[in-house]
C-alpha cells in the first residue's frame, strides 16, 4: 500500500490522507473497511470500492472514525484470490497518525498558495 499525508498550511493537526491499495496491480476489485479491532473484520465504507481512499482529519472527526482501523480488501478478478492491505489507525489529529506505527511514503505540506511542497 502507498500512503500519503498532505499537511495544511499553518495548521499543526489537520491534513489530507490518501491511501492506494494496489498501485502497481491491475484486474482487482476493492472494498475499504473500518474496524475497531485489528483481529475483527470491519464494516464496509459505503461508496468506497476503488483502489484509492482519500479522507481528511476533519472527516475522521466528523464521522467518528477517530481510533478506528482502515484497510482494503482486494480481490483478483482472474484468480479470485483475496488479500487485505495493512491496517492504518485513523485519528483526527495527524500528529497521532504520524507518531503511530504507520510509515508513510510521503509527508508533504500545502504552502500559503495551496501548492504542495515536500
PDB file of N, CA and C in Angstrom:
ATOM      1  N   UNK A   1       0.848  -1.172   0.000  1.00  0.00           N
ATOM      2  CA  UNK A   1       0.000   0.000   0.000  1.00  0.00           C
ATOM      3  C   UNK A   1       0.893   1.235   0.000  1.00  0.00           C
ATOM      4  N   UNK A   2       0.475   2.235  -0.747  1.00  0.00           N
ATOM      5  CA  UNK A   2       1.137   3.541  -0.753  1.00  0.00           C
ATOM      6  C   UNK A   2       0.304   4.477   0.112  1.00  0.00           C
ATOM      7  N   UNK A   3       0.995   5.304   0.934  1.00  0.00           N
ATOM      8  CA  UNK A   3       0.298   6.187   1.867  1.00  0.00           C
ATOM      9  C   UNK A   3       0.912   7.579   1.804  1.00  0.00           C
ATOM     10  N   UNK A   4       0.026   8.598   1.739  1.00  0.00           N
ATOM     11  CA  UNK A   4       0.480   9.978   1.634  1.00  0.00           C
ATOM     12  C   UNK A   4      -0.269  10.858   2.629  1.00  0.00           C
ATOM     13  N   UNK A   5       0.447  11.821   3.187  1.00  0.00           N
ATOM     14  CA  UNK A   5      -0.134  12.850   4.043  1.00  0.00           C
ATOM     15  C   UNK A   5       0.221  14.194   3.441  1.00  0.00           C
ATOM     16  N   UNK A   6      -0.781  15.080   3.349  1.00  0.00           N
ATOM     17  CA  UNK A   6      -0.515  16.459   2.952  1.00  0.00           C
ATOM     18  C   UNK A   6      -1.034  17.343   4.080  1.00  0.00           C
ATOM     19  N   UNK A   7      -0.091  17.919   4.816  1.00  0.00           N
ATOM     20  CA  UNK A   7      -0.452  18.755   5.962  1.00  0.00           C
ATOM     21  C   UNK A   7      -0.937  20.119   5.479  1.00  0.00           C
ATOM     22  N   UNK A   8      -1.891  20.697   6.211  1.00  0.00           N
ATOM     23  CA  UNK A   8      -2.425  22.000   5.847  1.00  0.00           C
ATOM     24  C   UNK A   8      -1.452  23.107   6.242  1.00  0.00           C
ATOM     25  N   UNK A   9      -1.536  24.224   5.535  1.00  0.00           N
ATOM     26  CA  UNK A   9      -0.673  25.375   5.807  1.00  0.00           C
ATOM     27  C   UNK A   9      -1.042  26.004   7.148  1.00  0.00           C
ATOM     28  N   UNK A  10      -0.038  26.270   7.964  1.00  0.00           N
ATOM     29  CA  UNK A  10      -0.219  26.902   9.284  1.00  0.00           C
ATOM     30  C   UNK A  10      -1.244  26.176  10.143  1.00  0.00           C
ATOM     31  N   UNK A  11      -1.242  24.858  10.092  1.00  0.00           N
ATOM     32  CA  UNK A  11      -2.171  24.065  10.875  1.00  0.00           C
ATOM     33  C   UNK A  11      -1.425  22.803  11.299  1.00  0.00           C
ATOM     34  N   UNK A  12      -1.188  22.658  12.580  1.00  0.00           N
ATOM     35  CA  UNK A  12      -0.338  21.571  13.048  1.00  0.00           C
ATOM     36  C   UNK A  12      -1.045  20.231  13.203  1.00  0.00           C
ATOM     37  N   UNK A  13      -2.391  20.192  13.145  1.00  0.00           N
ATOM     38  CA  UNK A  13      -3.050  18.906  13.402  1.00  0.00           C
ATOM     39  C   UNK A  13      -3.923  18.376  12.275  1.00  0.00           C
ATOM     40  N   UNK A  14      -4.236  19.184  11.251  1.00  0.00           N
ATOM     41  CA  UNK A  14      -5.125  18.737  10.181  1.00  0.00           C
ATOM     42  C   UNK A  14      -4.344  18.421   8.906  1.00  0.00           C
ATOM     43  N   UNK A  15      -4.871  17.461   8.143  1.00  0.00           N
ATOM     44  CA  UNK A  15      -4.201  17.051   6.912  1.00  0.00           C
ATOM     45  C   UNK A  15      -5.169  16.308   6.010  1.00  0.00           C
ATOM     46  N   UNK A  16      -4.747  16.136   4.768  1.00  0.00           N
ATOM     47  CA  UNK A  16      -5.425  15.267   3.815  1.00  0.00           C
ATOM     48  C   UNK A  16      -4.667  13.946   3.804  1.00  0.00           C
ATOM     49  N   UNK A  17      -5.390  12.823   3.760  1.00  0.00           N
ATOM     50  CA  UNK A  17      -4.797  11.486   3.799  1.00  0.00           C
ATOM     51  C   UNK A  17      -5.204  10.736   2.537  1.00  0.00           C
ATOM     52  N   UNK A  18      -4.237  10.126   1.865  1.00  0.00           N
ATOM     53  CA  UNK A  18      -4.506   9.393   0.632  1.00  0.00           C
ATOM     54  C   UNK A  18      -3.866   8.014   0.736  1.00  0.00           C
ATOM     55  N   UNK A  19      -4.655   6.973   0.448  1.00  0.00           N
ATOM     56  CA  UNK A  19      -4.185   5.593   0.520  1.00  0.00           C
ATOM     57  C   UNK A  19      -4.457   4.909  -0.811  1.00  0.00           C
ATOM     58  N   UNK A  20      -3.458   4.201  -1.351  1.00  0.00           N
ATOM     59  CA  UNK A  20      -3.599   3.431  -2.591  1.00  0.00           C
ATOM     60  C   UNK A  20      -3.383   1.962  -2.241  1.00  0.00           C
ATOM     61  N   UNK A  21      -4.404   1.129  -2.464  1.00  0.00           N
ATOM     62  CA  UNK A  21      -4.343  -0.273  -2.065  1.00  0.00           C
ATOM     63  C   UNK A  21      -3.324  -1.071  -2.873  1.00  0.00           C
ATOM     64  N   UNK A  22      -3.407  -1.016  -4.173  1.00  0.00           N
ATOM     65  CA  UNK A  22      -2.512  -1.795  -5.043  1.00  0.00           C
ATOM     66  C   UNK A  22      -2.065  -0.936  -6.213  1.00  0.00           C
ATOM     67  N   UNK A  23      -1.147  -0.027  -5.994  1.00  0.00           N
ATOM     68  CA  UNK A  23      -0.803   0.930  -7.043  1.00  0.00           C
ATOM     69  C   UNK A  23      -0.155   0.324  -8.284  1.00  0.00           C
ATOM     70  N   UNK A  24       0.403  -0.881  -8.191  1.00  0.00           N
ATOM     71  CA  UNK A  24       1.098  -1.475  -9.337  1.00  0.00           C
ATOM     72  C   UNK A  24       0.373  -2.683  -9.921  1.00  0.00           C
ATOM     73  N   UNK A  25      -0.827  -2.986  -9.458  1.00  0.00           N
ATOM     74  CA  UNK A  25      -1.537  -4.175  -9.915  1.00  0.00           C
ATOM     75  C   UNK A  25      -2.820  -3.790 -10.638  1.00  0.00           C
ATOM     76  N   UNK A  26      -3.218  -4.631 -11.589  1.00  0.00           N
ATOM     77  CA  UNK A  26      -4.463  -4.403 -12.328  1.00  0.00           C
ATOM     78  C   UNK A  26      -5.409  -5.565 -12.091  1.00  0.00           C
ATOM     79  N   UNK A  27      -6.634  -5.439 -12.558  1.00  0.00           N
ATOM     80  CA  UNK A  27      -7.631  -6.513 -12.508  1.00  0.00           C
ATOM     81  C   UNK A  27      -8.051  -6.879 -11.089  1.00  0.00           C
ATOM     82  N   UNK A  28      -8.328  -5.906 -10.278  1.00  0.00           N
ATOM     83  CA  UNK A  28      -8.762  -6.149  -8.908  1.00  0.00           C
ATOM     84  C   UNK A  28     -10.092  -5.469  -8.628  1.00  0.00           C
ATOM     85  N   UNK A  29     -10.829  -6.028  -7.695  1.00  0.00           N
ATOM     86  CA  UNK A  29     -11.992  -5.379  -7.101  1.00  0.00           C
ATOM     87  C   UNK A  29     -11.570  -4.923  -5.723  1.00  0.00           C
ATOM     88  N   UNK A  30     -12.126  -3.809  -5.251  1.00  0.00           N
ATOM     89  CA  UNK A  30     -11.699  -3.215  -3.977  1.00  0.00           C
ATOM     90  C   UNK A  30     -12.895  -2.905  -3.096  1.00  0.00           C
ATOM     91  N   UNK A  31     -12.688  -3.004  -1.795  1.00  0.00           N
ATOM     92  CA  UNK A  31     -13.656  -2.516  -0.809  1.00  0.00           C
ATOM     93  C   UNK A  31     -12.880  -2.088   0.419  1.00  0.00           C
ATOM     94  N   UNK A  32     -13.057  -0.827   0.828  1.00  0.00           N
ATOM     95  CA  UNK A  32     -12.415  -0.299   2.027  1.00  0.00           C
ATOM     96  C   UNK A  32     -13.305  -0.546   3.233  1.00  0.00           C
ATOM     97  N   UNK A  33     -12.675  -0.833   4.383  1.00  0.00           N
ATOM     98  CA  UNK A  33     -13.374  -1.175   5.615  1.00  0.00           C
ATOM     99  C   UNK A  33     -12.826  -0.384   6.785  1.00  0.00           C
ATOM    100  N   UNK A  34     -13.650  -0.273   7.828  1.00  0.00           N
ATOM    101  CA  UNK A  34     -13.244   0.269   9.124  1.00  0.00           C
ATOM    102  C   UNK A  34     -13.538  -0.784  10.185  1.00  0.00           C
ATOM    103  N   UNK A  35     -12.634  -0.891  11.161  1.00  0.00           N
ATOM    104  CA  UNK A  35     -12.841  -1.822  12.265  1.00  0.00           C
ATOM    105  C   UNK A  35     -12.276  -1.232  13.547  1.00  0.00           C
ATOM    106  N   UNK A  36     -12.878  -1.604  14.660  1.00  0.00           N
ATOM    107  CA  UNK A  36     -12.390  -1.155  15.965  1.00  0.00           C
ATOM    108  C   UNK A  36     -11.244  -2.018  16.451  1.00  0.00           C
ATOM    109  N   UNK A  37     -11.186  -3.273  15.970  1.00  0.00           N
ATOM    110  CA  UNK A  37     -10.232  -4.251  16.462  1.00  0.00           C
ATOM    111  C   UNK A  37      -9.484  -4.846  15.276  1.00  0.00           C
ATOM    112  N   UNK A  38      -8.162  -4.897  15.362  1.00  0.00           N
ATOM    113  CA  UNK A  38      -7.339  -5.428  14.274  1.00  0.00           C
ATOM    114  C   UNK A  38      -7.703  -6.858  13.905  1.00  0.00           C
ATOM    115  N   UNK A  39      -8.225  -7.615  14.852  1.00  0.00           N
ATOM    116  CA  UNK A  39      -8.494  -9.039  14.647  1.00  0.00           C
ATOM    117  C   UNK A  39      -9.926  -9.336  14.225  1.00  0.00           C
ATOM    118  N   UNK A  40     -10.721  -8.309  13.985  1.00  0.00           N
ATOM    119  CA  UNK A  40     -12.127  -8.491  13.641  1.00  0.00           C
ATOM    120  C   UNK A  40     -12.383  -7.851  12.276  1.00  0.00           C
ATOM    121  N   UNK A  41     -13.112  -8.570  11.411  1.00  0.00           N
ATOM    122  CA  UNK A  41     -13.483  -7.979  10.118  1.00  0.00           C
ATOM    123  C   UNK A  41     -14.312  -6.727  10.375  1.00  0.00           C
ATOM    124  N   UNK A  42     -14.075  -5.730   9.571  1.00  0.00           N
ATOM    125  CA  UNK A  42     -14.768  -4.466   9.771  1.00  0.00           C
ATOM    126  C   UNK A  42     -16.017  -4.335   8.947  1.00  0.00           C
ATOM    127  N   UNK A  43     -16.567  -3.155   8.985  1.00  0.00           N
ATOM    128  CA  UNK A  43     -17.746  -2.806   8.200  1.00  0.00           C
ATOM    129  C   UNK A  43     -17.300  -2.059   6.949  1.00  0.00           C
ATOM    130  N   UNK A  44     -17.903  -2.368   5.799  1.00  0.00           N
ATOM    131  CA  UNK A  44     -17.517  -1.665   4.570  1.00  0.00           C
ATOM    132  C   UNK A  44     -17.890  -0.191   4.630  1.00  0.00           C
ATOM    133  N   UNK A  45     -17.047   0.626   4.036  1.00  0.00           N
ATOM    134  CA  UNK A  45     -17.334   2.047   3.906  1.00  0.00           C
ATOM    135  C   UNK A  45     -18.143   2.220   2.626  1.00  0.00           C
ATOM    136  N   UNK A  46     -19.345   2.711   2.763  1.00  0.00           N
ATOM    137  CA  UNK A  46     -20.251   2.856   1.615  1.00  0.00           C
ATOM    138  C   UNK A  46     -19.612   3.719   0.530  1.00  0.00           C
ATOM    139  N   UNK A  47     -19.689   3.244  -0.706  1.00  0.00           N
ATOM    140  CA  UNK A  47     -19.174   4.003  -1.838  1.00  0.00           C
ATOM    141  C   UNK A  47     -17.667   3.959  -1.998  1.00  0.00           C
ATOM    142  N   UNK A  48     -16.983   3.099  -1.273  1.00  0.00           N
ATOM    143  CA  UNK A  48     -15.516   3.042  -1.319  1.00  0.00           C
ATOM    144  C   UNK A  48     -15.050   1.731  -1.939  1.00  0.00           C
ATOM    145  N   UNK A  49     -15.322   1.583  -3.235  1.00  0.00           N
ATOM    146  CA  UNK A  49     -14.930   0.375  -3.961  1.00  0.00           C
ATOM    147  C   UNK A  49     -13.877   0.694  -5.023  1.00  0.00           C
ATOM    148  N   UNK A  50     -12.924   1.520  -4.674  1.00  0.00           N
ATOM    149  CA  UNK A  50     -11.897   1.935  -5.611  1.00  0.00           C
ATOM    150  C   UNK A  50     -10.520   1.619  -5.048  1.00  0.00           C
ATOM    151  N   UNK A  51      -9.515   1.660  -5.922  1.00  0.00           N
ATOM    152  CA  UNK A  51      -8.143   1.391  -5.498  1.00  0.00           C
ATOM    153  C   UNK A  51      -7.682   2.378  -4.426  1.00  0.00           C
ATOM    154  N   UNK A  52      -8.132   3.606  -4.520  1.00  0.00           N
ATOM    155  CA  UNK A  52      -7.682   4.648  -3.600  1.00  0.00           C
ATOM    156  C   UNK A  52      -8.788   5.070  -2.653  1.00  0.00           C
ATOM    157  N   UNK A  53      -8.371   5.494  -1.477  1.00  0.00           N
ATOM    158  CA  UNK A  53      -9.290   6.056  -0.491  1.00  0.00           C
ATOM    159  C   UNK A  53      -8.650   7.339   0.024  1.00  0.00           C
ATOM    160  N   UNK A  54      -9.366   8.433  -0.087  1.00  0.00           N
ATOM    161  CA  UNK A  54      -8.865   9.723   0.387  1.00  0.00           C
ATOM    162  C   UNK A  54      -9.826  10.273   1.421  1.00  0.00           C
ATOM    163  N   UNK A  55      -9.269  10.884   2.450  1.00  0.00           N
ATOM    164  CA  UNK A  55     -10.078  11.490   3.507  1.00  0.00           C
ATOM    165  C   UNK A  55      -9.285  12.638   4.118  1.00  0.00           C
ATOM    166  N   UNK A  56      -9.859  13.270   5.096  1.00  0.00           N
ATOM    167  CA  UNK A  56      -9.175  14.335   5.829  1.00  0.00           C
ATOM    168  C   UNK A  56      -9.331  14.072   7.316  1.00  0.00           C
ATOM    169  N   UNK A  57      -8.502  14.723   8.100  1.00  0.00           N
ATOM    170  CA  UNK A  57      -8.631  14.594   9.552  1.00  0.00           C
ATOM    171  C   UNK A  57      -9.967  15.158  10.028  1.00  0.00           C
ATOM    172  N   UNK A  58     -10.483  16.169   9.343  1.00  0.00           N
ATOM    173  CA  UNK A  58     -11.805  16.714   9.691  1.00  0.00           C
ATOM    174  C   UNK A  58     -12.906  15.673   9.490  1.00  0.00           C
ATOM    175  N   UNK A  59     -12.831  14.928   8.394  1.00  0.00           N
ATOM    176  CA  UNK A  59     -13.840  13.892   8.125  1.00  0.00           C
ATOM    177  C   UNK A  59     -13.705  12.754   9.140  1.00  0.00           C
ATOM    178  N   UNK A  60     -12.474  12.393   9.492  1.00  0.00           N
ATOM    179  CA  UNK A  60     -12.256  11.363  10.515  1.00  0.00           C
ATOM    180  C   UNK A  60     -12.977  11.764  11.801  1.00  0.00           C
ATOM    181  N   UNK A  61     -12.851  13.024  12.181  1.00  0.00           N
ATOM    182  CA  UNK A  61     -13.509  13.512  13.396  1.00  0.00           C
ATOM    183  C   UNK A  61     -15.027  13.553  13.216  1.00  0.00           C
ATOM    184  N   UNK A  62     -15.478  14.119  12.117  1.00  0.00           N
ATOM    185  CA  UNK A  62     -16.908  14.307  11.853  1.00  0.00           C
ATOM    186  C   UNK A  62     -17.669  12.967  11.799  1.00  0.00           C
ATOM    187  N   UNK A  63     -17.078  11.967  11.201  1.00  0.00           N
ATOM    188  CA  UNK A  63     -17.753  10.677  11.035  1.00  0.00           C
ATOM    189  C   UNK A  63     -17.509   9.708  12.194  1.00  0.00           C
ATOM    190  N   UNK A  64     -16.731  10.133  13.183  1.00  0.00           N
ATOM    191  CA  UNK A  64     -16.480   9.274  14.334  1.00  0.00           C
ATOM    192  C   UNK A  64     -15.506   8.145  14.053  1.00  0.00           C
ATOM    193  N   UNK A  65     -14.588   8.343  13.101  1.00  0.00           N
ATOM    194  CA  UNK A  65     -13.610   7.319  12.749  1.00  0.00           C
ATOM    195  C   UNK A  65     -12.368   7.375  13.642  1.00  0.00           C
ATOM    196  N   UNK A  66     -12.313   8.330  14.547  1.00  0.00           N
ATOM    197  CA  UNK A  66     -11.143   8.514  15.413  1.00  0.00           C
ATOM    198  C   UNK A  66     -10.834   7.222  16.169  1.00  0.00           C
ATOM    199  N   UNK A  67      -9.618   6.698  15.980  1.00  0.00           N
ATOM    200  CA  UNK A  67      -9.184   5.484  16.661  1.00  0.00           C
ATOM    201  C   UNK A  67      -9.513   4.198  15.932  1.00  0.00           C
ATOM    202  N   UNK A  68     -10.292   4.279  14.843  1.00  0.00           N
ATOM    203  CA  UNK A  68     -10.632   3.080  14.076  1.00  0.00           C
ATOM    204  C   UNK A  68      -9.490   2.722  13.121  1.00  0.00           C
ATOM    205  N   UNK A  69      -9.485   1.469  12.698  1.00  0.00           N
ATOM    206  CA  UNK A  69      -8.508   0.990  11.725  1.00  0.00           C
ATOM    207  C   UNK A  69      -9.138   0.959  10.337  1.00  0.00           C
ATOM    208  N   UNK A  70      -8.373   1.371   9.347  1.00  0.00           N
ATOM    209  CA  UNK A  70      -8.783   1.375   7.952  1.00  0.00           C
ATOM    210  C   UNK A  70      -7.987   0.311   7.209  1.00  0.00           C
ATOM    211  N   UNK A  71      -8.657  -0.454   6.341  1.00  0.00           N
ATOM    212  CA  UNK A  71      -7.955  -1.382   5.463  1.00  0.00           C
ATOM    213  C   UNK A  71      -8.781  -1.608   4.208  1.00  0.00           C
ATOM    214  N   UNK A  72      -8.157  -2.214   3.212  1.00  0.00           N
ATOM    215  CA  UNK A  72      -8.842  -2.517   1.963  1.00  0.00           C
ATOM    216  C   UNK A  72      -8.763  -4.018   1.695  1.00  0.00           C
ATOM    217  N   UNK A  73      -9.893  -4.598   1.294  1.00  0.00           N
ATOM    218  CA  UNK A  73      -9.916  -5.983   0.841  1.00  0.00           C
ATOM    219  C   UNK A  73      -9.854  -5.948  -0.681  1.00  0.00           C
ATOM    220  N   UNK A  74      -8.890  -6.674  -1.233  1.00  0.00           N
ATOM    221  CA  UNK A  74      -8.652  -6.700  -2.668  1.00  0.00           C
ATOM    222  C   UNK A  74      -8.917  -8.105  -3.193  1.00  0.00           C
ATOM    223  N   UNK A  75      -9.617  -8.196  -4.311  1.00  0.00           N
ATOM    224  CA  UNK A  75      -9.931  -9.489  -4.927  1.00  0.00           C
ATOM    225  C   UNK A  75      -9.426  -9.466  -6.363  1.00  0.00           C
ATOM    226  N   UNK A  76      -8.555 -10.415  -6.691  1.00  0.00           N
ATOM    227  CA  UNK A  76      -8.058 -10.564  -8.051  1.00  0.00           C
ATOM    228  C   UNK A  76      -9.196 -11.121  -8.916  1.00  0.00           C
ATOM    229  N   UNK A  77      -9.589 -10.391  -9.924  1.00  0.00           N
ATOM    230  CA  UNK A  77     -10.706 -10.792 -10.781  1.00  0.00           C
ATOM    231  C   UNK A  77     -10.415 -12.112 -11.499  1.00  0.00           C
ATOM    232  N   UNK A  78      -9.162 -12.329 -11.879  1.00  0.00           N
ATOM    233  CA  UNK A  78      -8.802 -13.528 -12.637  1.00  0.00           C
ATOM    234  C   UNK A  78      -8.700 -14.778 -11.774  1.00  0.00           C
ATOM    235  N   UNK A  79      -8.053 -14.676 -10.617  1.00  0.00           N
ATOM    236  CA  UNK A  79      -7.806 -15.863  -9.780  1.00  0.00           C
ATOM    237  C   UNK A  79      -8.782 -15.994  -8.624  1.00  0.00           C
ATOM    238  N   UNK A  80      -9.536 -14.933  -8.331  1.00  0.00           N
ATOM    239  CA  UNK A  80     -10.472 -14.872  -7.197  1.00  0.00           C
ATOM    240  C   UNK A  80      -9.754 -14.879  -5.843  1.00  0.00           C
ATOM    241  N   UNK A  81      -8.440 -14.762  -5.844  1.00  0.00           N
ATOM    242  CA  UNK A  81      -7.698 -14.692  -4.582  1.00  0.00           C
ATOM    243  C   UNK A  81      -7.960 -13.353  -3.907  1.00  0.00           C
ATOM    244  N   UNK A  82      -8.085 -13.391  -2.577  1.00  0.00           N
ATOM    245  CA  UNK A  82      -8.339 -12.193  -1.774  1.00  0.00           C
ATOM    246  C   UNK A  82      -7.149 -11.919  -0.869  1.00  0.00           C
ATOM    247  N   UNK A  83      -6.925 -10.648  -0.597  1.00  0.00           N
ATOM    248  CA  UNK A  83      -5.977 -10.261   0.446  1.00  0.00           C
ATOM    249  C   UNK A  83      -6.411  -8.923   1.016  1.00  0.00           C
ATOM    250  N   UNK A  84      -5.926  -8.649   2.221  1.00  0.00           N
ATOM    251  CA  UNK A  84      -6.188  -7.373   2.876  1.00  0.00           C
ATOM    252  C   UNK A  84      -4.893  -6.576   2.923  1.00  0.00           C
ATOM    253  N   UNK A  85      -5.032  -5.276   2.810  1.00  0.00           N
ATOM    254  CA  UNK A  85      -3.873  -4.404   2.986  1.00  0.00           C
ATOM    255  C   UNK A  85      -3.567  -4.300   4.479  1.00  0.00           C
ATOM    256  N   UNK A  86      -2.488  -3.620   4.795  1.00  0.00           N
ATOM    257  CA  UNK A  86      -2.182  -3.351   6.196  1.00  0.00           C
ATOM    258  C   UNK A  86      -3.288  -2.503   6.812  1.00  0.00           C
ATOM    259  N   UNK A  87      -3.379  -2.518   8.117  1.00  0.00           N
ATOM    260  CA  UNK A  87      -4.363  -1.702   8.830  1.00  0.00           C
ATOM    261  C   UNK A  87      -3.727  -0.380   9.224  1.00  0.00           C
ATOM    262  N   UNK A  88      -4.456   0.697   8.983  1.00  0.00           N
ATOM    263  CA  UNK A  88      -3.992   2.051   9.303  1.00  0.00           C
ATOM    264  C   UNK A  88      -4.900   2.609  10.387  1.00  0.00           C
ATOM    265  N   UNK A  89      -4.325   3.025  11.502  1.00  0.00           N
ATOM    266  CA  UNK A  89      -5.126   3.620  12.570  1.00  0.00           C
ATOM    267  C   UNK A  89      -5.367   5.087  12.249  1.00  0.00           C
ATOM    268  N   UNK A  90      -6.636   5.472  12.202  1.00  0.00           N
ATOM    269  CA  UNK A  90      -7.020   6.841  11.878  1.00  0.00           C
ATOM    270  C   UNK A  90      -7.219   7.665  13.148  1.00  0.00           C
ATOM    271  N   UNK A  91      -6.820   8.904  13.065  1.00  0.00           N
ATOM    272  CA  UNK A  91      -7.038   9.871  14.148  1.00  0.00           C
ATOM    273  C   UNK A  91      -7.417  11.205  13.532  1.00  0.00           C
ATOM    274  N   UNK A  92      -8.107  12.030  14.293  1.00  0.00           N
ATOM    275  CA  UNK A  92      -8.459  13.369  13.822  1.00  0.00           C
ATOM    276  C   UNK A  92      -7.297  14.351  13.973  1.00  0.00           C
ATOM    277  N   UNK A  93      -6.218  13.915  14.589  1.00  0.00           N
ATOM    278  CA  UNK A  93      -5.001  14.717  14.728  1.00  0.00           C
ATOM    279  C   UNK A  93      -3.900  14.004  13.945  1.00  0.00           C
ATOM    280  N   UNK A  94      -3.416  14.614  12.871  1.00  0.00           N
ATOM    281  CA  UNK A  94      -2.418  13.975  12.012  1.00  0.00           C
ATOM    282  C   UNK A  94      -1.155  13.604  12.775  1.00  0.00           C
ATOM    283  N   UNK A  95      -0.824  14.333  13.829  1.00  0.00           N
ATOM    284  CA  UNK A  95       0.372  14.025  14.603  1.00  0.00           C
ATOM    285  C   UNK A  95       0.271  12.646  15.259  1.00  0.00           C
ATOM    286  N   UNK A  96      -0.927  12.267  15.699  1.00  0.00           N
ATOM    287  CA  UNK A  96      -1.123  10.931  16.272  1.00  0.00           C
ATOM    288  C   UNK A  96      -0.919   9.857  15.215  1.00  0.00           C
ATOM    289  N   UNK A  97      -1.372  10.127  13.999  1.00  0.00           N
ATOM    290  CA  UNK A  97      -1.178   9.163  12.910  1.00  0.00           C
ATOM    291  C   UNK A  97       0.309   9.033  12.600  1.00  0.00           C
ATOM    292  N   UNK A  98       0.995  10.155  12.495  1.00  0.00           N
ATOM    293  CA  UNK A  98       2.423  10.139  12.180  1.00  0.00           C
ATOM    294  C   UNK A  98       3.246   9.505  13.300  1.00  0.00           C
ATOM    295  N   UNK A  99       2.792   9.620  14.540  1.00  0.00           N
ATOM    296  CA  UNK A  99       3.503   9.028  15.681  1.00  0.00           C
ATOM    297  C   UNK A  99       3.167   7.553  15.889  1.00  0.00           C
ATOM    298  N   UNK A 100       2.162   7.054  15.153  1.00  0.00           N
ATOM    299  CA  UNK A 100       1.786   5.642  15.284  1.00  0.00           C
ATOM    300  C   UNK A 100       2.786   4.785  14.501  1.00  0.00           C
ATOM    301  N   UNK A 101       2.499   3.521  14.392  1.00  0.00           N
ATOM    302  CA  UNK A 101       3.385   2.599  13.673  1.00  0.00           C
ATOM    303  C   UNK A 101       3.275   2.709  12.157  1.00  0.00           C
ATOM    304  N   UNK A 102       2.437   3.577  11.652  1.00  0.00           N
ATOM    305  CA  UNK A 102       2.246   3.727  10.218  1.00  0.00           C
ATOM    306  C   UNK A 102       3.418   4.482   9.599  1.00  0.00           C
ATOM    307  N   UNK A 103       3.978   3.907   8.544  1.00  0.00           N
ATOM    308  CA  UNK A 103       5.060   4.557   7.814  1.00  0.00           C
ATOM    309  C   UNK A 103       4.479   5.071   6.502  1.00  0.00           C
ATOM    310  N   UNK A 104       4.578   6.373   6.287  1.00  0.00           N
ATOM    311  CA  UNK A 104       4.037   6.994   5.090  1.00  0.00           C
ATOM    312  C   UNK A 104       5.115   7.102   4.015  1.00  0.00           C
ATOM    313  N   UNK A 105       4.691   6.956   2.766  1.00  0.00           N
ATOM    314  CA  UNK A 105       5.614   7.071   1.647  1.00  0.00           C
ATOM    315  C   UNK A 105       6.044   8.519   1.433  1.00  0.00           C
ATOM    316  N   UNK A 106       5.139   9.438   1.763  1.00  0.00           N
ATOM    317  CA  UNK A 106       5.474  10.851   1.617  1.00  0.00           C
ATOM    318  C   UNK A 106       4.627  11.688   2.554  1.00  0.00           C
ATOM    319  N   UNK A 107       5.285  12.656   3.199  1.00  0.00           N
ATOM    320  CA  UNK A 107       4.597  13.649   4.011  1.00  0.00           C
ATOM    321  C   UNK A 107       4.909  15.003   3.388  1.00  0.00           C
ATOM    322  N   UNK A 108       3.875  15.679   2.905  1.00  0.00           N
ATOM    323  CA  UNK A 108       4.027  16.961   2.230  1.00  0.00           C
ATOM    324  C   UNK A 108       3.240  18.026   2.980  1.00  0.00           C
ATOM    325  N   UNK A 109       3.346  19.251   2.482  1.00  0.00           N
ATOM    326  CA  UNK A 109       2.662  20.403   3.074  1.00  0.00           C
ATOM    327  C   UNK A 109       2.049  21.242   1.966  1.00  0.00           C
ATOM    328  N   UNK A 110       0.921  21.880   2.271  1.00  0.00           N
ATOM    329  CA  UNK A 110       0.410  22.909   1.385  1.00  0.00           C
ATOM    330  C   UNK A 110       1.080  24.227   1.776  1.00  0.00           C
ATOM    331  N   UNK A 111       1.558  24.983   0.784  1.00  0.00           N
ATOM    332  CA  UNK A 111       2.085  26.301   1.102  1.00  0.00           C
ATOM    333  C   UNK A 111       0.915  27.287   1.160  1.00  0.00           C
ATOM    334  N   UNK A 112       1.208  28.545   1.387  1.00  0.00           N
ATOM    335  CA  UNK A 112       0.138  29.539   1.555  1.00  0.00           C
ATOM    336  C   UNK A 112      -0.674  29.742   0.289  1.00  0.00           C
ATOM    337  N   UNK A 113      -0.147  29.341  -0.884  1.00  0.00           N
ATOM    338  CA  UNK A 113      -0.896  29.462  -2.142  1.00  0.00           C
ATOM    339  C   UNK A 113      -1.652  28.191  -2.491  1.00  0.00           C
ATOM    340  N   UNK A 114      -1.509  27.147  -1.666  1.00  0.00           N
ATOM    341  CA  UNK A 114      -2.214  25.891  -1.924  1.00  0.00           C
ATOM    342  C   UNK A 114      -1.415  24.904  -2.743  1.00  0.00           C
ATOM    343  N   UNK A 115      -0.159  25.221  -3.031  1.00  0.00           N
ATOM    344  CA  UNK A 115       0.694  24.286  -3.752  1.00  0.00           C
ATOM    345  C   UNK A 115       1.282  23.269  -2.767  1.00  0.00           C
ATOM    346  N   UNK A 116       1.489  22.058  -3.243  1.00  0.00           N
ATOM    347  CA  UNK A 116       2.051  21.004  -2.400  1.00  0.00           C
ATOM    348  C   UNK A 116       3.566  21.054  -2.485  1.00  0.00           C
ATOM    349  N   UNK A 117       4.215  21.082  -1.312  1.00  0.00           N
ATOM    350  CA  UNK A 117       5.677  21.050  -1.245  1.00  0.00           C
ATOM    351  C   UNK A 117       6.094  19.883  -0.363  1.00  0.00           C
ATOM    352  N   UNK A 118       7.189  19.271  -0.737  1.00  0.00           N
ATOM    353  CA  UNK A 118       7.683  18.122   0.020  1.00  0.00           C
ATOM    354  C   UNK A 118       8.628  18.542   1.113  1.00  0.00           C
TER     355      UNK A 118
END
